[in-house]
Amino acid sequence: MEELLRIARESPLTDLIERNLPTTGRVLEAGCGLGQYVLLLRERGRVAVGADWSLEALRAGARAGAPVSVMDLRSLGIATGAVTAYLSLGVVEHDPEGPDAILREAARVVPAGGRLLLSVPYWNGARRLATPYLRCRARLTRAAGGQFYQYAFTRRELGQRLAAHGFLVRAFHPYDPARVLRKALRALRGGAGGVETSGRLAPAPATRDGRARRPAWRRAARALLYSGPALRLFGHMVLAVAVRR
């Protein structure tokens, strides 16, 4: 759990989340998994709770002190209008029937004026360019008996889905543009003799808030990857920030 918290503290996604959450009120992370973001938000003074449909995933967070509960995200055991903000990161895209049932329930528990922060895989510029290849691969996977995994969305598609459930999108933020690079590096590390190494480096010195101080070249590379054009082309995920009408 400590390693997951370290990653969350350093992630640009965390900065996006904190900038767009209300300063007061209860935050629900729907599909919280192990609960590292619930713990991190509480560490930073917010009233955060988590829900997930996997008891196995929640056990680690519960052991670390996170207030988490097993719930079906399509039928939350939460009173109507009881949360000020609803946070969900990479969850709704995995429902084969689409995200509407989960979004309908999100609209129930978030009152008028409340906030929703929701991320899904982004149909970015690179995916658009690779559409013929991706469609061919999907057909081959289905023919081989493969199971559905996830949807990806354009900003327009996601905005329309959210509008249908009473949410007005205020901003879209693509993120995680280095995913392809990370996958390539992991493959290279495991390529010699078929032996995979952890690839861990010694942790950088930390600042008072627990964030690592990065070398100048890493800060420059991150700034380039997180520029507007790079995010539109390579952002693996997109975070929608919306308000309940």
C-alpha atoms as a PDB file:
ATOM      1  CA  MET A   1       0.000   0.000   0.000  1.00  0.00           C
ATOM      2  CA  GLU A   2       2.845   2.405   0.803  1.00  0.00           C
ATOM      3  CA  GLU A   3       4.192   2.013  -2.730  1.00  0.00           C
ATOM      4  CA  LEU A   4       0.755   2.793  -4.211  1.00  0.00           C
ATOM      5  CA  LEU A   5       0.500   5.858  -1.989  1.00  0.00           C
ATOM      6  CA  ARG A   6       3.946   7.007  -3.124  1.00  0.00           C
ATOM      7  CA  ILE A   7       2.901   6.708  -6.771  1.00  0.00           C
ATOM      8  CA  ALA A   8      -0.353   8.570  -6.103  1.00  0.00           C
ATOM      9  CA  ARG A   9       1.483  11.381  -4.296  1.00  0.00           C
ATOM     10  CA  GLU A  10       3.752  11.891  -7.311  1.00  0.00           C
ATOM     11  CA  SER A  11       1.132  11.497 -10.038  1.00  0.00           C
ATOM     12  CA  PRO A  12       0.024  14.527 -12.106  1.00  0.00           C
ATOM     13  CA  LEU A  13      -3.463  13.001 -11.883  1.00  0.00           C
ATOM     14  CA  THR A  14      -3.482  13.727  -8.150  1.00  0.00           C
ATOM     15  CA  ASP A  15      -2.887  17.415  -8.812  1.00  0.00           C
ATOM     16  CA  LEU A  16      -5.802  17.426 -11.288  1.00  0.00           C
ATOM     17  CA  ILE A  17      -8.080  15.754  -8.766  1.00  0.00           C
ATOM     18  CA  GLU A  18      -7.198  18.078  -5.901  1.00  0.00           C
ATOM     19  CA  ARG A  19      -7.610  21.207  -8.040  1.00  0.00           C
ATOM     20  CA  ASN A  20     -11.094  20.180  -9.105  1.00  0.00           C
ATOM     21  CA  LEU A  21     -12.590  18.699  -5.938  1.00  0.00           C
ATOM     22  CA  PRO A  22     -14.715  20.937  -3.687  1.00  0.00           C
ATOM     23  CA  THR A  23     -12.825  22.149  -0.652  1.00  0.00           C
ATOM     24  CA  THR A  24     -15.425  20.752   1.767  1.00  0.00           C
ATOM     25  CA  GLY A  25     -17.930  17.903   1.911  1.00  0.00           C
ATOM     26  CA  ARG A  26     -17.789  14.136   1.534  1.00  0.00           C
ATOM     27  CA  VAL A  27     -15.940  12.587  -1.412  1.00  0.00           C
ATOM     28  CA  LEU A  28     -16.955   9.124  -2.616  1.00  0.00           C
ATOM     29  CA  GLU A  29     -14.456   7.201  -4.705  1.00  0.00           C
ATOM     30  CA  ALA A  30     -16.559   4.697  -6.646  1.00  0.00           C
ATOM     31  CA  GLY A  31     -14.452   1.739  -7.731  1.00  0.00           C
ATOM     32  CA  CYS A  32     -11.700   2.606  -5.279  1.00  0.00           C
ATOM     33  CA  GLY A  33      -9.874  -0.728  -5.622  1.00  0.00           C
ATOM     34  CA  LEU A  34      -7.231  -1.006  -2.899  1.00  0.00           C
ATOM     35  CA  GLY A  35      -8.184   2.442  -1.596  1.00  0.00           C
ATOM     36  CA  GLN A  36      -4.952   4.395  -2.030  1.00  0.00           C
ATOM     37  CA  TYR A  37      -6.750   7.545  -3.188  1.00  0.00           C
ATOM     38  CA  VAL A  38      -9.175   7.359  -0.271  1.00  0.00           C
ATOM     39  CA  LEU A  39      -6.189   7.233   2.070  1.00  0.00           C
ATOM     40  CA  LEU A  40      -4.331  10.003   0.247  1.00  0.00           C
ATOM     41  CA  LEU A  41      -7.318  12.364   0.245  1.00  0.00           C
ATOM     42  CA  ARG A  42      -7.883  11.756   3.947  1.00  0.00           C
ATOM     43  CA  GLU A  43      -4.171  12.302   4.558  1.00  0.00           C
ATOM     44  CA  ARG A  44      -4.652  15.740   2.980  1.00  0.00           C
ATOM     45  CA  GLY A  45      -7.604  16.675   5.130  1.00  0.00           C
ATOM     46  CA  ARG A  46     -10.611  15.619   3.048  1.00  0.00           C
ATOM     47  CA  VAL A  47     -13.562  13.515   4.152  1.00  0.00           C
ATOM     48  CA  ALA A  48     -13.185  10.615   1.697  1.00  0.00           C
ATOM     49  CA  VAL A  49     -14.800   7.177   1.600  1.00  0.00           C
ATOM     50  CA  GLY A  50     -14.580   4.369  -0.930  1.00  0.00           C
ATOM     51  CA  ALA A  51     -16.803   1.744  -2.525  1.00  0.00           C
ATOM     52  CA  ASP A  52     -15.900  -1.178  -4.742  1.00  0.00           C
ATOM     53  CA  TRP A  53     -17.482  -4.468  -5.744  1.00  0.00           C
ATOM     54  CA  SER A  54     -14.388  -6.489  -4.875  1.00  0.00           C
ATOM     55  CA  LEU A  55     -14.016  -7.502  -1.229  1.00  0.00           C
ATOM     56  CA  GLU A  56     -10.568  -8.890  -1.993  1.00  0.00           C
ATOM     57  CA  ALA A  57      -9.380  -5.503  -3.302  1.00  0.00           C
ATOM     58  CA  LEU A  58     -10.834  -3.594  -0.359  1.00  0.00           C
ATOM     59  CA  ARG A  59      -9.105  -5.647   2.320  1.00  0.00           C
ATOM     60  CA  ALA A  60      -5.741  -3.914   1.864  1.00  0.00           C
ATOM     61  CA  GLY A  61      -7.295  -0.466   2.173  1.00  0.00           C
ATOM     62  CA  ALA A  62      -9.339  -1.479   5.190  1.00  0.00           C
ATOM     63  CA  ARG A  63      -6.202  -2.816   6.917  1.00  0.00           C
ATOM     64  CA  ALA A  64      -4.523   0.552   6.272  1.00  0.00           C
ATOM     65  CA  GLY A  65      -7.451   2.400   7.851  1.00  0.00           C
ATOM     66  CA  ALA A  66      -9.461   3.469   4.802  1.00  0.00           C
ATOM     67  CA  PRO A  67     -13.253   3.651   5.308  1.00  0.00           C
ATOM     68  CA  VAL A  68     -14.330   1.439   2.400  1.00  0.00           C
ATOM     69  CA  SER A  69     -17.378  -0.736   1.697  1.00  0.00           C
ATOM     70  CA  VAL A  70     -18.373  -3.443  -0.752  1.00  0.00           C
ATOM     71  CA  MET A  71     -21.105  -2.063  -3.025  1.00  0.00           C
ATOM     72  CA  ASP A  72     -22.525  -2.553  -6.490  1.00  0.00           C
ATOM     73  CA  LEU A  73     -21.770   0.759  -8.226  1.00  0.00           C
ATOM     74  CA  ARG A  74     -25.053   0.423 -10.115  1.00  0.00           C
ATOM     75  CA  SER A  75     -26.970   0.336  -6.813  1.00  0.00           C
ATOM     76  CA  LEU A  76     -25.065   2.160  -4.090  1.00  0.00           C
ATOM     77  CA  GLY A  77     -26.039   1.793  -0.462  1.00  0.00           C
ATOM     78  CA  ILE A  78     -25.834   5.574  -0.049  1.00  0.00           C
ATOM     79  CA  ALA A  79     -28.641   8.079   0.538  1.00  0.00           C
ATOM     80  CA  THR A  80     -29.766  10.303  -2.315  1.00  0.00           C
ATOM     81  CA  GLY A  81     -27.703  13.490  -2.524  1.00  0.00           C
ATOM     82  CA  ALA A  82     -25.388  12.359   0.288  1.00  0.00           C
ATOM     83  CA  VAL A  83     -21.990  13.074  -1.317  1.00  0.00           C
ATOM     84  CA  THR A  84     -20.545  16.405  -2.382  1.00  0.00           C
ATOM     85  CA  ALA A  85     -18.196  14.858  -4.947  1.00  0.00           C
ATOM     86  CA  TYR A  86     -18.095  11.567  -6.833  1.00  0.00           C
ATOM     87  CA  LEU A  87     -14.676  10.372  -7.991  1.00  0.00           C
ATOM     88  CA  SER A  88     -14.231   7.386 -10.310  1.00  0.00           C
ATOM     89  CA  LEU A  89     -10.975   6.553 -12.059  1.00  0.00           C
ATOM     90  CA  GLY A  90     -10.951   4.022 -14.883  1.00  0.00           C
ATOM     91  CA  VAL A  91     -14.041   2.085 -13.824  1.00  0.00           C
ATOM     92  CA  VAL A  92     -17.189   2.711 -15.896  1.00  0.00           C
ATOM     93  CA  GLU A  93     -15.588   1.595 -19.171  1.00  0.00           C
ATOM     94  CA  HIS A  94     -15.416  -2.015 -18.016  1.00  0.00           C
ATOM     95  CA  ASP A  95     -19.188  -2.618 -17.974  1.00  0.00           C
ATOM     96  CA  PRO A  96     -20.047  -4.490 -21.221  1.00  0.00           C
ATOM     97  CA  GLU A  97     -23.469  -2.820 -21.216  1.00  0.00           C
ATOM     98  CA  GLY A  98     -21.882   0.629 -21.119  1.00  0.00           C
ATOM     99  CA  PRO A  99     -21.517   3.219 -18.360  1.00  0.00           C
ATOM    100  CA  ASP A 100     -25.128   4.401 -18.098  1.00  0.00           C
ATOM    101  CA  ALA A 101     -26.243   2.314 -15.108  1.00  0.00           C
ATOM    102  CA  ILE A 102     -23.275   3.505 -13.041  1.00  0.00           C
ATOM    103  CA  LEU A 103     -23.715   7.126 -14.155  1.00  0.00           C
ATOM    104  CA  ARG A 104     -27.432   7.023 -13.334  1.00  0.00           C
ATOM    105  CA  GLU A 105     -26.579   5.989  -9.779  1.00  0.00           C
ATOM    106  CA  ALA A 106     -23.853   8.636  -9.561  1.00  0.00           C
ATOM    107  CA  ALA A 107     -26.458  11.258 -10.478  1.00  0.00           C
ATOM    108  CA  ARG A 108     -28.678  10.007  -7.649  1.00  0.00           C
ATOM    109  CA  VAL A 109     -26.094  10.361  -4.881  1.00  0.00           C
ATOM    110  CA  VAL A 110     -24.657  13.712  -6.050  1.00  0.00           C
ATOM    111  CA  PRO A 111     -26.910  16.727  -5.279  1.00  0.00           C
ATOM    112  CA  ALA A 112     -27.450  19.715  -7.555  1.00  0.00           C
ATOM    113  CA  GLY A 113     -24.237  21.711  -7.627  1.00  0.00           C
ATOM    114  CA  GLY A 114     -22.172  18.686  -6.593  1.00  0.00           C
ATOM    115  CA  ARG A 115     -19.093  17.622  -8.507  1.00  0.00           C
ATOM    116  CA  LEU A 116     -18.224  14.546 -10.549  1.00  0.00           C
ATOM    117  CA  LEU A 117     -14.666  13.616 -11.569  1.00  0.00           C
ATOM    118  CA  LEU A 118     -14.659  10.652 -13.902  1.00  0.00           C
ATOM    119  CA  SER A 119     -11.880   9.192 -16.018  1.00  0.00           C
ATOM    120  CA  VAL A 120     -12.078   6.718 -18.900  1.00  0.00           C
ATOM    121  CA  PRO A 121      -9.734   5.529 -21.665  1.00  0.00           C
ATOM    122  CA  TYR A 122      -9.339   8.380 -24.168  1.00  0.00           C
ATOM    123  CA  TRP A 123      -9.858   7.915 -27.904  1.00  0.00           C
ATOM    124  CA  ASN A 124      -6.831  10.114 -28.535  1.00  0.00           C
ATOM    125  CA  GLY A 125      -5.048  11.136 -31.720  1.00  0.00           C
ATOM    126  CA  ALA A 126      -2.853   8.039 -31.775  1.00  0.00           C
ATOM    127  CA  ARG A 127      -5.852   5.727 -31.365  1.00  0.00           C
ATOM    128  CA  ARG A 128      -7.698   7.569 -34.137  1.00  0.00           C
ATOM    129  CA  LEU A 129      -4.741   7.055 -36.466  1.00  0.00           C
ATOM    130  CA  ALA A 130      -4.580   3.375 -35.504  1.00  0.00           C
ATOM    131  CA  THR A 131      -8.344   2.742 -35.882  1.00  0.00           C
ATOM    132  CA  PRO A 132      -8.067   0.178 -38.735  1.00  0.00           C
ATOM    133  CA  TYR A 133      -5.462  -1.829 -36.815  1.00  0.00           C
ATOM    134  CA  LEU A 134      -7.428  -1.664 -33.555  1.00  0.00           C
ATOM    135  CA  ARG A 135     -10.639  -2.811 -35.254  1.00  0.00           C
ATOM    136  CA  CYS A 136      -8.811  -5.708 -36.906  1.00  0.00           C
ATOM    137  CA  ARG A 137      -7.262  -6.745 -33.598  1.00  0.00           C
ATOM    138  CA  ALA A 138     -10.670  -6.591 -31.894  1.00  0.00           C
ATOM    139  CA  ARG A 139     -12.197  -8.859 -34.559  1.00  0.00           C
ATOM    140  CA  LEU A 140      -9.381 -11.380 -34.161  1.00  0.00           C
ATOM    141  CA  THR A 141      -9.750 -11.314 -30.360  1.00  0.00           C
ATOM    142  CA  ARG A 142     -13.504 -11.961 -30.572  1.00  0.00           C
ATOM    143  CA  ALA A 143     -12.961 -14.758 -33.106  1.00  0.00           C
ATOM    144  CA  ALA A 144     -10.496 -16.393 -30.720  1.00  0.00           C
ATOM    145  CA  GLY A 145     -13.053 -16.321 -27.888  1.00  0.00           C
ATOM    146  CA  GLY A 146     -11.645 -13.286 -26.123  1.00  0.00           C
ATOM    147  CA  GLN A 147     -13.709 -11.497 -23.479  1.00  0.00           C
ATOM    148  CA  PHE A 148     -14.814  -7.858 -23.527  1.00  0.00           C
ATOM    149  CA  TYR A 149     -12.403  -5.633 -21.612  1.00  0.00           C
ATOM    150  CA  GLN A 150     -13.202  -1.938 -21.989  1.00  0.00           C
ATOM    151  CA  TYR A 151     -14.551   0.935 -24.062  1.00  0.00           C
ATOM    152  CA  ALA A 152     -12.661   4.103 -24.990  1.00  0.00           C
ATOM    153  CA  PHE A 153     -14.379   7.468 -25.483  1.00  0.00           C
ATOM    154  CA  THR A 154     -13.881  10.721 -27.328  1.00  0.00           C
ATOM    155  CA  ARG A 155     -14.505  13.855 -25.317  1.00  0.00           C
ATOM    156  CA  ARG A 156     -17.737  14.430 -27.211  1.00  0.00           C
ATOM    157  CA  GLU A 157     -19.007  10.916 -26.507  1.00  0.00           C
ATOM    158  CA  LEU A 158     -18.187  11.184 -22.821  1.00  0.00           C
ATOM    159  CA  GLY A 159     -19.766  14.624 -22.566  1.00  0.00           C
ATOM    160  CA  GLN A 160     -22.975  13.351 -24.169  1.00  0.00           C
ATOM    161  CA  ARG A 161     -23.141  10.392 -21.788  1.00  0.00           C
ATOM    162  CA  LEU A 162     -22.717  12.635 -18.766  1.00  0.00           C
ATOM    163  CA  ALA A 163     -25.232  15.207 -20.053  1.00  0.00           C
ATOM    164  CA  ALA A 164     -27.830  12.456 -20.414  1.00  0.00           C
ATOM    165  CA  HIS A 165     -27.587  11.924 -16.645  1.00  0.00           C
ATOM    166  CA  GLY A 166     -27.713  15.563 -15.622  1.00  0.00           C
ATOM    167  CA  PHE A 167     -24.004  16.445 -15.498  1.00  0.00           C
ATOM    168  CA  LEU A 168     -22.570  19.516 -17.213  1.00  0.00           C
ATOM    169  CA  VAL A 169     -18.910  19.026 -18.151  1.00  0.00           C
ATOM    170  CA  ARG A 170     -16.748  21.983 -17.209  1.00  0.00           C
ATOM    171  CA  ALA A 171     -13.399  20.608 -18.433  1.00  0.00           C
ATOM    172  CA  PHE A 172     -11.627  17.610 -19.925  1.00  0.00           C
ATOM    173  CA  HIS A 173      -8.085  16.725 -18.879  1.00  0.00           C
ATOM    174  CA  PRO A 174      -6.211  14.008 -20.828  1.00  0.00           C
ATOM    175  CA  TYR A 175      -3.478  12.334 -18.788  1.00  0.00           C
ATOM    176  CA  ASP A 176      -1.006   9.431 -18.674  1.00  0.00           C
ATOM    177  CA  PRO A 177       0.714  10.097 -22.030  1.00  0.00           C
ATOM    178  CA  ALA A 178       3.721   7.914 -21.140  1.00  0.00           C
ATOM    179  CA  ARG A 179       1.843   4.604 -20.921  1.00  0.00           C
ATOM    180  CA  VAL A 180       3.142   3.274 -24.258  1.00  0.00           C
ATOM    181  CA  LEU A 181       6.700   4.238 -23.314  1.00  0.00           C
ATOM    182  CA  ARG A 182       6.386   2.522 -19.927  1.00  0.00           C
ATOM    183  CA  LYS A 183       5.105  -0.674 -21.549  1.00  0.00           C
ATOM    184  CA  ALA A 184       8.028  -0.658 -23.985  1.00  0.00           C
ATOM    185  CA  LEU A 185      10.536  -0.174 -21.159  1.00  0.00           C
ATOM    186  CA  ARG A 186       9.008  -3.019 -19.147  1.00  0.00           C
ATOM    187  CA  ALA A 187       9.259  -5.287 -22.196  1.00  0.00           C
ATOM    188  CA  LEU A 188      12.925  -4.367 -22.647  1.00  0.00           C
ATOM    189  CA  ARG A 189      13.695  -5.058 -18.980  1.00  0.00           C
ATOM    190  CA  GLY A 190      12.112  -8.480 -19.212  1.00  0.00           C
ATOM    191  CA  GLY A 191      13.460  -9.305 -22.637  1.00  0.00           C
ATOM    192  CA  ALA A 192      16.918 -10.588 -21.760  1.00  0.00           C
ATOM    193  CA  GLY A 193      16.703 -14.323 -21.321  1.00  0.00           C
ATOM    194  CA  GLY A 194      13.015 -14.059 -20.521  1.00  0.00           C
ATOM    195  CA  VAL A 195      13.774 -12.906 -16.972  1.00  0.00           C
ATOM    196  CA  GLU A 196      11.730  -9.954 -15.782  1.00  0.00           C
ATOM    197  CA  THR A 197      13.180  -7.627 -13.186  1.00  0.00           C
ATOM    198  CA  SER A 198      11.287  -5.225 -10.999  1.00  0.00           C
ATOM    199  CA  GLY A 199      12.991  -2.213 -12.561  1.00  0.00           C
ATOM    200  CA  ARG A 200      12.775  -0.307  -9.278  1.00  0.00           C
ATOM    201  CA  LEU A 201      15.161   2.528  -8.646  1.00  0.00           C
ATOM    202  CA  ALA A 202      16.219   3.871  -5.304  1.00  0.00           C
ATOM    203  CA  PRO A 203      13.569   6.386  -4.238  1.00  0.00           C
ATOM    204  CA  ALA A 204      14.373  10.044  -4.735  1.00  0.00           C
ATOM    205  CA  PRO A 205      14.604  12.298  -1.682  1.00  0.00           C
ATOM    206  CA  ALA A 206      11.134  13.386  -0.587  1.00  0.00           C
ATOM    207  CA  THR A 207       9.737  16.813   0.155  1.00  0.00           C
ATOM    208  CA  ARG A 208       7.691  17.497   3.289  1.00  0.00           C
ATOM    209  CA  ASP A 209       4.408  16.484   1.597  1.00  0.00           C
ATOM    210  CA  GLY A 210       5.847  13.107   0.616  1.00  0.00           C
ATOM    211  CA  ARG A 211       6.488  13.923  -3.048  1.00  0.00           C
ATOM    212  CA  ALA A 212       9.813  12.902  -4.557  1.00  0.00           C
ATOM    213  CA  ARG A 213      12.223  15.561  -5.831  1.00  0.00           C
ATOM    214  CA  ARG A 214      12.933  14.603  -9.439  1.00  0.00           C
ATOM    215  CA  PRO A 215      16.091  15.320 -11.446  1.00  0.00           C
ATOM    216  CA  ALA A 216      15.874  18.264 -13.853  1.00  0.00           C
ATOM    217  CA  TRP A 217      15.800  16.021 -16.949  1.00  0.00           C
ATOM    218  CA  ARG A 218      12.779  14.129 -15.611  1.00  0.00           C
ATOM    219  CA  ARG A 219      10.948  17.357 -14.853  1.00  0.00           C
ATOM    220  CA  ALA A 220      11.653  18.574 -18.399  1.00  0.00           C
ATOM    221  CA  ALA A 221      10.500  15.274 -19.948  1.00  0.00           C
ATOM    222  CA  ARG A 222       7.301  15.345 -17.907  1.00  0.00           C
ATOM    223  CA  ALA A 223       6.606  18.946 -18.931  1.00  0.00           C
ATOM    224  CA  LEU A 224       6.975  17.955 -22.600  1.00  0.00           C
ATOM    225  CA  LEU A 225       4.744  14.884 -22.267  1.00  0.00           C
ATOM    226  CA  TYR A 226       2.115  16.918 -20.448  1.00  0.00           C
ATOM    227  CA  SER A 227       2.003  19.711 -23.013  1.00  0.00           C
ATOM    228  CA  GLY A 228      -1.346  20.213 -24.752  1.00  0.00           C
ATOM    229  CA  PRO A 229      -0.411  18.644 -28.128  1.00  0.00           C
ATOM    230  CA  ALA A 230       1.238  15.581 -26.509  1.00  0.00           C
ATOM    231  CA  LEU A 231      -1.776  14.983 -24.281  1.00  0.00           C
ATOM    232  CA  ARG A 232      -4.230  15.190 -27.192  1.00  0.00           C
ATOM    233  CA  LEU A 233      -2.118  12.760 -29.184  1.00  0.00           C
ATOM    234  CA  PHE A 234      -0.949  10.296 -26.519  1.00  0.00           C
ATOM    235  CA  GLY A 235      -3.078  10.796 -23.377  1.00  0.00           C
ATOM    236  CA  HIS A 236      -4.159   7.269 -22.429  1.00  0.00           C
ATOM    237  CA  MET A 237      -6.989   8.452 -20.154  1.00  0.00           C
ATOM    238  CA  VAL A 238      -9.184  11.553 -19.957  1.00  0.00           C
ATOM    239  CA  LEU A 239     -10.624  13.040 -16.771  1.00  0.00           C
ATOM    240  CA  ALA A 240     -13.991  14.780 -17.090  1.00  0.00           C
ATOM    241  CA  VAL A 241     -14.820  17.414 -14.471  1.00  0.00           C
ATOM    242  CA  ALA A 242     -18.584  17.959 -14.300  1.00  0.00           C
ATOM    243  CA  VAL A 243     -21.232  19.627 -12.143  1.00  0.00           C
ATOM    244  CA  ARG A 244     -24.622  18.123 -11.315  1.00  0.00           C
ATOM    245  CA  ARG A 245     -27.343  20.331 -12.773  1.00  0.00           C
END
